[in-house]
Amino acid sequence: MKINNKNLLLASLLGSKVAKKLPRFEALENELAKHVLPPKPFLPLKNKSRFTYQEVDWNDKFMVMPEQIPEDKQFFPVKIRNINDSQWYLLPYEPMITISGKNNIIKREVAKKGNDKNLFGTIKEYWSQDDYEITITGALYGALETGSVDDCYPKEDFRALKDFILNPQGIEIDCQPLKLLDITRIVVEDFTFPFTKGENVQAYEIKAVSDSTYDLFKLLND
């Protein structure tokens, strides 16, 4: 191997074992120098971009209001209306409904004689069915996620819901689970609009009881 400055530099950088292979590297370099190779730039002239750019409409970006599900697409749609009205109002975004009921039972404690162990407890003289308790929980959504109150807060749905829950005549309700229990009218007892995260979201909870129409004259005659 011919000793020159280039070989000394490579030997100092690569080590003695690699330096022994320098003659073969030089032979390969000399052989390649006899041929003209096509030019190959070290860096490509133009990189192909892997990213796709899409124009964003900022007005659409902040339109975050969920689309209302049509009545025929909901599993248990809930519709309410005032008693004297003919038009139903579909509660938006399919709220959750909880129904509970109980029986009113008059119990009398009677002293029992003897040692009969099968005689225990109270005597039930009379019972009647109490009102059903109905809880409706849902949320209202505004059109924009952030901005002014006029742009974000769901004011129209809020006003519509307020008119129903403050109606002193009661509300007619249409919902499949309530129909199975023969509940067509309710009276609102309590309602809550709790703090909700999000400028365009307002949760609500309505607590009501079932209501029935009675003919007092018929009941007295019977």
C-alpha atoms as a PDB file:
ATOM      1  CA  MET A   1       0.000   0.000   0.000  1.00  0.00           C
ATOM      2  CA  LYS A   2       1.308   3.372  -0.949  1.00  0.00           C
ATOM      3  CA  ILE A   3       1.687   5.665   2.044  1.00  0.00           C
ATOM      4  CA  ASN A   4       0.446   9.159   1.451  1.00  0.00           C
ATOM      5  CA  ASN A   5      -1.299  11.834   3.439  1.00  0.00           C
ATOM      6  CA  LYS A   6      -4.726  10.554   2.437  1.00  0.00           C
ATOM      7  CA  ASN A   7      -4.017   7.012   3.620  1.00  0.00           C
ATOM      8  CA  LEU A   8      -2.499   8.227   6.875  1.00  0.00           C
ATOM      9  CA  LEU A   9      -5.585  10.316   7.599  1.00  0.00           C
ATOM     10  CA  LEU A  10      -7.952   7.407   6.915  1.00  0.00           C
ATOM     11  CA  ALA A  11      -5.862   5.038   9.035  1.00  0.00           C
ATOM     12  CA  SER A  12      -5.933   7.428  11.982  1.00  0.00           C
ATOM     13  CA  LEU A  13      -9.682   7.878  11.696  1.00  0.00           C
ATOM     14  CA  LEU A  14     -10.791   4.315  10.892  1.00  0.00           C
ATOM     15  CA  GLY A  15      -8.209   2.223  12.744  1.00  0.00           C
ATOM     16  CA  SER A  16      -5.585  -0.304  11.725  1.00  0.00           C
ATOM     17  CA  LYS A  17      -7.999  -3.071  10.700  1.00  0.00           C
ATOM     18  CA  VAL A  18      -9.848  -0.876   8.280  1.00  0.00           C
ATOM     19  CA  ALA A  19      -6.554   0.609   7.014  1.00  0.00           C
ATOM     20  CA  LYS A  20      -5.485  -2.842   5.768  1.00  0.00           C
ATOM     21  CA  LYS A  21      -8.413  -2.788   3.334  1.00  0.00           C
ATOM     22  CA  LEU A  22      -7.360   0.507   1.773  1.00  0.00           C
ATOM     23  CA  PRO A  23      -5.609  -1.153  -1.250  1.00  0.00           C
ATOM     24  CA  ARG A  24      -8.901  -2.775  -2.232  1.00  0.00           C
ATOM     25  CA  PHE A  25     -10.704   0.554  -1.851  1.00  0.00           C
ATOM     26  CA  GLU A  26      -8.081   2.194  -4.100  1.00  0.00           C
ATOM     27  CA  ALA A  27      -8.431  -0.561  -6.718  1.00  0.00           C
ATOM     28  CA  LEU A  28     -12.192  -0.122  -6.763  1.00  0.00           C
ATOM     29  CA  GLU A  29     -11.813   3.627  -7.051  1.00  0.00           C
ATOM     30  CA  ASN A  30      -9.394   3.275  -9.996  1.00  0.00           C
ATOM     31  CA  GLU A  31     -11.733   0.859 -11.786  1.00  0.00           C
ATOM     32  CA  LEU A  32     -14.739   3.129 -11.369  1.00  0.00           C
ATOM     33  CA  ALA A  33     -12.713   6.074 -12.676  1.00  0.00           C
ATOM     34  CA  LYS A  34     -12.430   4.321 -16.055  1.00  0.00           C
ATOM     35  CA  HIS A  35     -16.187   4.446 -16.541  1.00  0.00           C
ATOM     36  CA  VAL A  36     -18.486   7.414 -16.839  1.00  0.00           C
ATOM     37  CA  LEU A  37     -21.358   7.079 -14.388  1.00  0.00           C
ATOM     38  CA  PRO A  38     -24.583   9.016 -14.708  1.00  0.00           C
ATOM     39  CA  PRO A  39     -24.711  12.052 -12.452  1.00  0.00           C
ATOM     40  CA  LYS A  40     -26.530  11.458  -9.207  1.00  0.00           C
ATOM     41  CA  PRO A  41     -27.106  14.504  -7.075  1.00  0.00           C
ATOM     42  CA  PHE A  42     -26.491  14.050  -3.396  1.00  0.00           C
ATOM     43  CA  LEU A  43     -29.752  15.786  -2.547  1.00  0.00           C
ATOM     44  CA  PRO A  44     -32.871  15.522  -4.689  1.00  0.00           C
ATOM     45  CA  LEU A  45     -33.670  18.620  -6.634  1.00  0.00           C
ATOM     46  CA  LYS A  46     -37.239  18.619  -5.408  1.00  0.00           C
ATOM     47  CA  ASN A  47     -38.750  16.689  -2.578  1.00  0.00           C
ATOM     48  CA  LYS A  48     -42.213  15.303  -2.969  1.00  0.00           C
ATOM     49  CA  SER A  49     -44.453  16.587  -0.218  1.00  0.00           C
ATOM     50  CA  ARG A  50     -46.343  13.994   1.791  1.00  0.00           C
ATOM     51  CA  PHE A  51     -48.789  16.542   3.128  1.00  0.00           C
ATOM     52  CA  THR A  52     -52.010  17.585   1.477  1.00  0.00           C
ATOM     53  CA  TYR A  53     -53.274  21.073   2.045  1.00  0.00           C
ATOM     54  CA  GLN A  54     -56.926  21.875   2.267  1.00  0.00           C
ATOM     55  CA  GLU A  55     -58.523  25.241   2.479  1.00  0.00           C
ATOM     56  CA  VAL A  56     -60.403  25.765   5.723  1.00  0.00           C
ATOM     57  CA  ASP A  57     -63.526  27.813   5.980  1.00  0.00           C
ATOM     58  CA  TRP A  58     -63.214  29.436   9.388  1.00  0.00           C
ATOM     59  CA  ASN A  59     -66.958  29.983   9.549  1.00  0.00           C
ATOM     60  CA  ASP A  60     -67.569  26.239   9.202  1.00  0.00           C
ATOM     61  CA  LYS A  61     -64.774  25.381  11.643  1.00  0.00           C
ATOM     62  CA  PHE A  62     -66.538  27.018  14.550  1.00  0.00           C
ATOM     63  CA  MET A  63     -70.004  25.714  13.638  1.00  0.00           C
ATOM     64  CA  VAL A  64     -69.935  22.989  16.248  1.00  0.00           C
ATOM     65  CA  MET A  65     -73.633  22.607  16.976  1.00  0.00           C
ATOM     66  CA  PRO A  66     -74.561  18.915  16.689  1.00  0.00           C
ATOM     67  CA  GLU A  67     -77.174  18.289  14.080  1.00  0.00           C
ATOM     68  CA  GLN A  68     -80.574  17.567  15.564  1.00  0.00           C
ATOM     69  CA  ILE A  69     -81.596  13.968  15.030  1.00  0.00           C
ATOM     70  CA  PRO A  70     -84.907  13.689  13.168  1.00  0.00           C
ATOM     71  CA  GLU A  71     -87.774  12.176  15.086  1.00  0.00           C
ATOM     72  CA  ASP A  72     -87.845   9.020  12.979  1.00  0.00           C
ATOM     73  CA  LYS A  73     -84.112   8.471  13.669  1.00  0.00           C
ATOM     74  CA  GLN A  74     -84.404   8.742  17.463  1.00  0.00           C
ATOM     75  CA  PHE A  75     -84.965   5.704  19.632  1.00  0.00           C
ATOM     76  CA  PHE A  76     -87.184   7.413  22.229  1.00  0.00           C
ATOM     77  CA  PRO A  77     -88.132  10.875  20.924  1.00  0.00           C
ATOM     78  CA  VAL A  78     -89.791  13.170  23.458  1.00  0.00           C
ATOM     79  CA  LYS A  79     -92.419  15.669  22.332  1.00  0.00           C
ATOM     80  CA  ILE A  80     -94.284  18.139  24.523  1.00  0.00           C
ATOM     81  CA  ARG A  81     -96.975  20.734  23.957  1.00  0.00           C
ATOM     82  CA  ASN A  82     -99.278  22.966  25.924  1.00  0.00           C
ATOM     83  CA  ILE A  83    -102.716  21.549  26.562  1.00  0.00           C
ATOM     84  CA  ASN A  84    -104.471  24.113  24.382  1.00  0.00           C
ATOM     85  CA  ASP A  85    -101.923  23.927  21.548  1.00  0.00           C
ATOM     86  CA  SER A  86    -101.973  21.652  18.537  1.00  0.00           C
ATOM     87  CA  GLN A  87     -98.285  21.812  17.588  1.00  0.00           C
ATOM     88  CA  TRP A  88     -95.774  19.531  19.261  1.00  0.00           C
ATOM     89  CA  TYR A  89     -92.280  20.630  20.280  1.00  0.00           C
ATOM     90  CA  LEU A  90     -89.578  17.981  19.852  1.00  0.00           C
ATOM     91  CA  LEU A  91     -86.996  18.188  22.619  1.00  0.00           C
ATOM     92  CA  PRO A  92     -83.641  18.529  20.832  1.00  0.00           C
ATOM     93  CA  TYR A  93     -80.855  15.970  20.971  1.00  0.00           C
ATOM     94  CA  GLU A  94     -82.951  13.128  22.479  1.00  0.00           C
ATOM     95  CA  PRO A  95     -82.918  13.656  26.260  1.00  0.00           C
ATOM     96  CA  MET A  96     -82.783  10.883  28.852  1.00  0.00           C
ATOM     97  CA  ILE A  97     -85.934   9.930  30.777  1.00  0.00           C
ATOM     98  CA  THR A  98     -86.150   8.290  34.196  1.00  0.00           C
ATOM     99  CA  ILE A  99     -89.513   7.005  35.470  1.00  0.00           C
ATOM    100  CA  SER A 100     -90.286   5.918  39.011  1.00  0.00           C
ATOM    101  CA  GLY A 101     -93.533   5.039  40.763  1.00  0.00           C
ATOM    102  CA  LYS A 102     -94.867   3.732  44.036  1.00  0.00           C
ATOM    103  CA  ASN A 103     -98.018   2.498  45.756  1.00  0.00           C
ATOM    104  CA  ASN A 104     -99.678   4.195  48.720  1.00  0.00           C
ATOM    105  CA  ILE A 105    -100.477   1.522  51.299  1.00  0.00           C
ATOM    106  CA  ILE A 106    -102.286   1.963  54.619  1.00  0.00           C
ATOM    107  CA  LYS A 107    -100.733  -0.354  57.186  1.00  0.00           C
ATOM    108  CA  ARG A 108    -102.256  -1.248  60.527  1.00  0.00           C
ATOM    109  CA  GLU A 109    -100.462  -2.930  63.395  1.00  0.00           C
ATOM    110  CA  VAL A 110    -102.641  -5.486  65.170  1.00  0.00           C
ATOM    111  CA  ALA A 111    -101.799  -7.346  68.347  1.00  0.00           C
ATOM    112  CA  LYS A 112    -101.812 -11.057  67.558  1.00  0.00           C
ATOM    113  CA  LYS A 113    -102.678 -13.651  70.172  1.00  0.00           C
ATOM    114  CA  GLY A 114    -101.172 -17.062  70.454  1.00  0.00           C
ATOM    115  CA  ASN A 115     -97.824 -18.419  69.518  1.00  0.00           C
ATOM    116  CA  ASP A 116     -98.404 -18.732  65.777  1.00  0.00           C
ATOM    117  CA  LYS A 117     -95.060 -17.795  64.251  1.00  0.00           C
ATOM    118  CA  ASN A 118     -96.640 -17.382  60.830  1.00  0.00           C
ATOM    119  CA  LEU A 119     -98.454 -14.265  62.012  1.00  0.00           C
ATOM    120  CA  PHE A 120     -96.024 -11.371  61.628  1.00  0.00           C
ATOM    121  CA  GLY A 121     -95.895  -7.944  60.057  1.00  0.00           C
ATOM    122  CA  THR A 122     -98.709  -5.471  59.505  1.00  0.00           C
ATOM    123  CA  ILE A 123    -102.165  -5.710  57.989  1.00  0.00           C
ATOM    124  CA  LYS A 124    -102.567  -3.886  54.695  1.00  0.00           C
ATOM    125  CA  GLU A 125    -106.033  -2.410  54.638  1.00  0.00           C
ATOM    126  CA  TYR A 126    -106.024  -0.281  51.507  1.00  0.00           C
ATOM    127  CA  TRP A 127    -103.673   0.763  48.792  1.00  0.00           C
ATOM    128  CA  SER A 128    -103.704   3.132  45.838  1.00  0.00           C
ATOM    129  CA  GLN A 129    -101.270   4.017  43.107  1.00  0.00           C
ATOM    130  CA  ASP A 130     -99.274   7.209  43.558  1.00  0.00           C
ATOM    131  CA  ASP A 131     -98.190   9.583  40.785  1.00  0.00           C
ATOM    132  CA  TYR A 132     -95.329   8.601  38.549  1.00  0.00           C
ATOM    133  CA  GLU A 133     -92.196  10.680  38.990  1.00  0.00           C
ATOM    134  CA  ILE A 134     -90.549  11.596  35.695  1.00  0.00           C
ATOM    135  CA  THR A 135     -87.086  13.121  35.278  1.00  0.00           C
ATOM    136  CA  ILE A 136     -86.033  14.512  31.902  1.00  0.00           C
ATOM    137  CA  THR A 137     -82.336  15.300  31.473  1.00  0.00           C
ATOM    138  CA  GLY A 138     -80.867  16.831  28.345  1.00  0.00           C
ATOM    139  CA  ALA A 139     -78.802  19.637  26.861  1.00  0.00           C
ATOM    140  CA  LEU A 140     -79.248  22.563  24.503  1.00  0.00           C
ATOM    141  CA  TYR A 141     -76.552  23.590  22.011  1.00  0.00           C
ATOM    142  CA  GLY A 142     -75.787  26.907  20.384  1.00  0.00           C
ATOM    143  CA  ALA A 143     -74.473  27.390  16.866  1.00  0.00           C
ATOM    144  CA  LEU A 144     -70.927  28.558  17.706  1.00  0.00           C
ATOM    145  CA  GLU A 145     -68.418  27.183  20.164  1.00  0.00           C
ATOM    146  CA  THR A 146     -67.090  30.540  21.297  1.00  0.00           C
ATOM    147  CA  GLY A 147     -67.994  34.169  20.861  1.00  0.00           C
ATOM    148  CA  SER A 148     -70.633  36.512  22.215  1.00  0.00           C
ATOM    149  CA  VAL A 149     -73.737  35.391  24.075  1.00  0.00           C
ATOM    150  CA  ASP A 150     -75.951  36.255  21.116  1.00  0.00           C
ATOM    151  CA  ASP A 151     -73.884  34.043  18.824  1.00  0.00           C
ATOM    152  CA  CYS A 152     -73.185  31.096  21.133  1.00  0.00           C
ATOM    153  CA  TYR A 153     -75.873  30.617  23.759  1.00  0.00           C
ATOM    154  CA  PRO A 154     -78.946  28.549  22.693  1.00  0.00           C
ATOM    155  CA  LYS A 155     -81.421  31.297  23.528  1.00  0.00           C
ATOM    156  CA  GLU A 156     -84.270  30.182  21.266  1.00  0.00           C
ATOM    157  CA  ASP A 157     -84.425  26.637  22.643  1.00  0.00           C
ATOM    158  CA  PHE A 158     -84.001  28.010  26.165  1.00  0.00           C
ATOM    159  CA  ARG A 159     -87.012  30.320  25.779  1.00  0.00           C
ATOM    160  CA  ALA A 160     -89.123  27.560  24.251  1.00  0.00           C
ATOM    161  CA  LEU A 161     -88.324  25.186  27.107  1.00  0.00           C
ATOM    162  CA  LYS A 162     -88.965  27.892  29.700  1.00  0.00           C
ATOM    163  CA  ASP A 163     -92.458  28.537  28.323  1.00  0.00           C
ATOM    164  CA  PHE A 164     -93.354  24.884  28.750  1.00  0.00           C
ATOM    165  CA  ILE A 165     -92.024  24.353  32.264  1.00  0.00           C
ATOM    166  CA  LEU A 166     -93.689  27.548  33.561  1.00  0.00           C
ATOM    167  CA  ASN A 167     -97.084  26.726  32.082  1.00  0.00           C
ATOM    168  CA  PRO A 168     -99.548  26.442  35.010  1.00  0.00           C
ATOM    169  CA  GLN A 169    -101.969  24.254  33.049  1.00  0.00           C
ATOM    170  CA  GLY A 170     -99.664  21.291  32.691  1.00  0.00           C
ATOM    171  CA  ILE A 171     -98.034  19.740  29.656  1.00  0.00           C
ATOM    172  CA  GLU A 172     -99.013  17.004  27.267  1.00  0.00           C
ATOM    173  CA  ILE A 173     -96.146  14.631  26.562  1.00  0.00           C
ATOM    174  CA  ASP A 174     -95.594  12.026  23.885  1.00  0.00           C
ATOM    175  CA  CYS A 175     -92.938   9.380  24.500  1.00  0.00           C
ATOM    176  CA  GLN A 176     -93.105   5.632  23.961  1.00  0.00           C
ATOM    177  CA  PRO A 177     -92.168   4.449  27.507  1.00  0.00           C
ATOM    178  CA  LEU A 178     -94.700   6.891  28.968  1.00  0.00           C
ATOM    179  CA  LYS A 179     -97.392   5.650  26.594  1.00  0.00           C
ATOM    180  CA  LEU A 180     -96.885   2.126  27.902  1.00  0.00           C
ATOM    181  CA  LEU A 181     -97.683   3.476  31.379  1.00  0.00           C
ATOM    182  CA  ASP A 182    -100.709   5.458  30.097  1.00  0.00           C
ATOM    183  CA  ILE A 183     -98.988   8.762  30.858  1.00  0.00           C
ATOM    184  CA  THR A 184    -100.012  11.535  28.481  1.00  0.00           C
ATOM    185  CA  ARG A 185     -99.894  14.577  30.782  1.00  0.00           C
ATOM    186  CA  ILE A 186     -97.350  15.819  33.297  1.00  0.00           C
ATOM    187  CA  VAL A 187     -96.997  18.675  35.757  1.00  0.00           C
ATOM    188  CA  VAL A 188     -93.544  20.167  36.319  1.00  0.00           C
ATOM    189  CA  GLU A 189     -92.492  20.406  39.971  1.00  0.00           C
ATOM    190  CA  ASP A 190     -88.791  21.281  39.768  1.00  0.00           C
ATOM    191  CA  PHE A 191     -86.389  22.281  37.041  1.00  0.00           C
ATOM    192  CA  THR A 192     -82.679  23.048  36.977  1.00  0.00           C
ATOM    193  CA  PHE A 193     -80.322  24.721  34.523  1.00  0.00           C
ATOM    194  CA  PRO A 194     -76.936  23.776  36.019  1.00  0.00           C
ATOM    195  CA  PHE A 195     -73.562  25.210  35.129  1.00  0.00           C
ATOM    196  CA  THR A 196     -72.377  23.516  31.955  1.00  0.00           C
ATOM    197  CA  LYS A 197     -68.877  23.465  30.471  1.00  0.00           C
ATOM    198  CA  GLY A 198     -68.860  25.182  27.108  1.00  0.00           C
ATOM    199  CA  GLU A 199     -70.116  28.599  26.084  1.00  0.00           C
ATOM    200  CA  ASN A 200     -72.632  27.125  23.650  1.00  0.00           C
ATOM    201  CA  VAL A 201     -73.990  24.331  25.880  1.00  0.00           C
ATOM    202  CA  GLN A 202     -76.733  24.512  28.493  1.00  0.00           C
ATOM    203  CA  ALA A 203     -77.824  21.396  30.357  1.00  0.00           C
ATOM    204  CA  TYR A 204     -81.248  21.081  31.941  1.00  0.00           C
ATOM    205  CA  GLU A 205     -83.137  18.744  34.238  1.00  0.00           C
ATOM    206  CA  ILE A 206     -86.913  18.664  34.597  1.00  0.00           C
ATOM    207  CA  LYS A 207     -88.675  16.822  37.417  1.00  0.00           C
ATOM    208  CA  ALA A 208     -92.373  16.266  36.853  1.00  0.00           C
ATOM    209  CA  VAL A 209     -95.231  14.042  38.007  1.00  0.00           C
ATOM    210  CA  SER A 210     -97.899  12.335  35.975  1.00  0.00           C
ATOM    211  CA  ASP A 211    -101.314  13.953  35.747  1.00  0.00           C
ATOM    212  CA  SER A 212    -104.703  12.434  34.980  1.00  0.00           C
ATOM    213  CA  THR A 213    -108.052  13.942  34.101  1.00  0.00           C
ATOM    214  CA  TYR A 214    -110.831  13.013  36.509  1.00  0.00           C
ATOM    215  CA  ASP A 215    -114.580  13.401  36.190  1.00  0.00           C
ATOM    216  CA  LEU A 216    -115.503  14.190  39.782  1.00  0.00           C
ATOM    217  CA  PHE A 217    -119.244  13.904  39.198  1.00  0.00           C
ATOM    218  CA  LYS A 218    -118.819  10.427  37.777  1.00  0.00           C
ATOM    219  CA  LEU A 219    -116.629   9.408  40.691  1.00  0.00           C
ATOM    220  CA  LEU A 220    -119.207  10.653  43.186  1.00  0.00           C
ATOM    221  CA  ASN A 221    -122.015   8.816  41.438  1.00  0.00           C
ATOM    222  CA  ASP A 222    -120.027   5.598  41.398  1.00  0.00           C
END
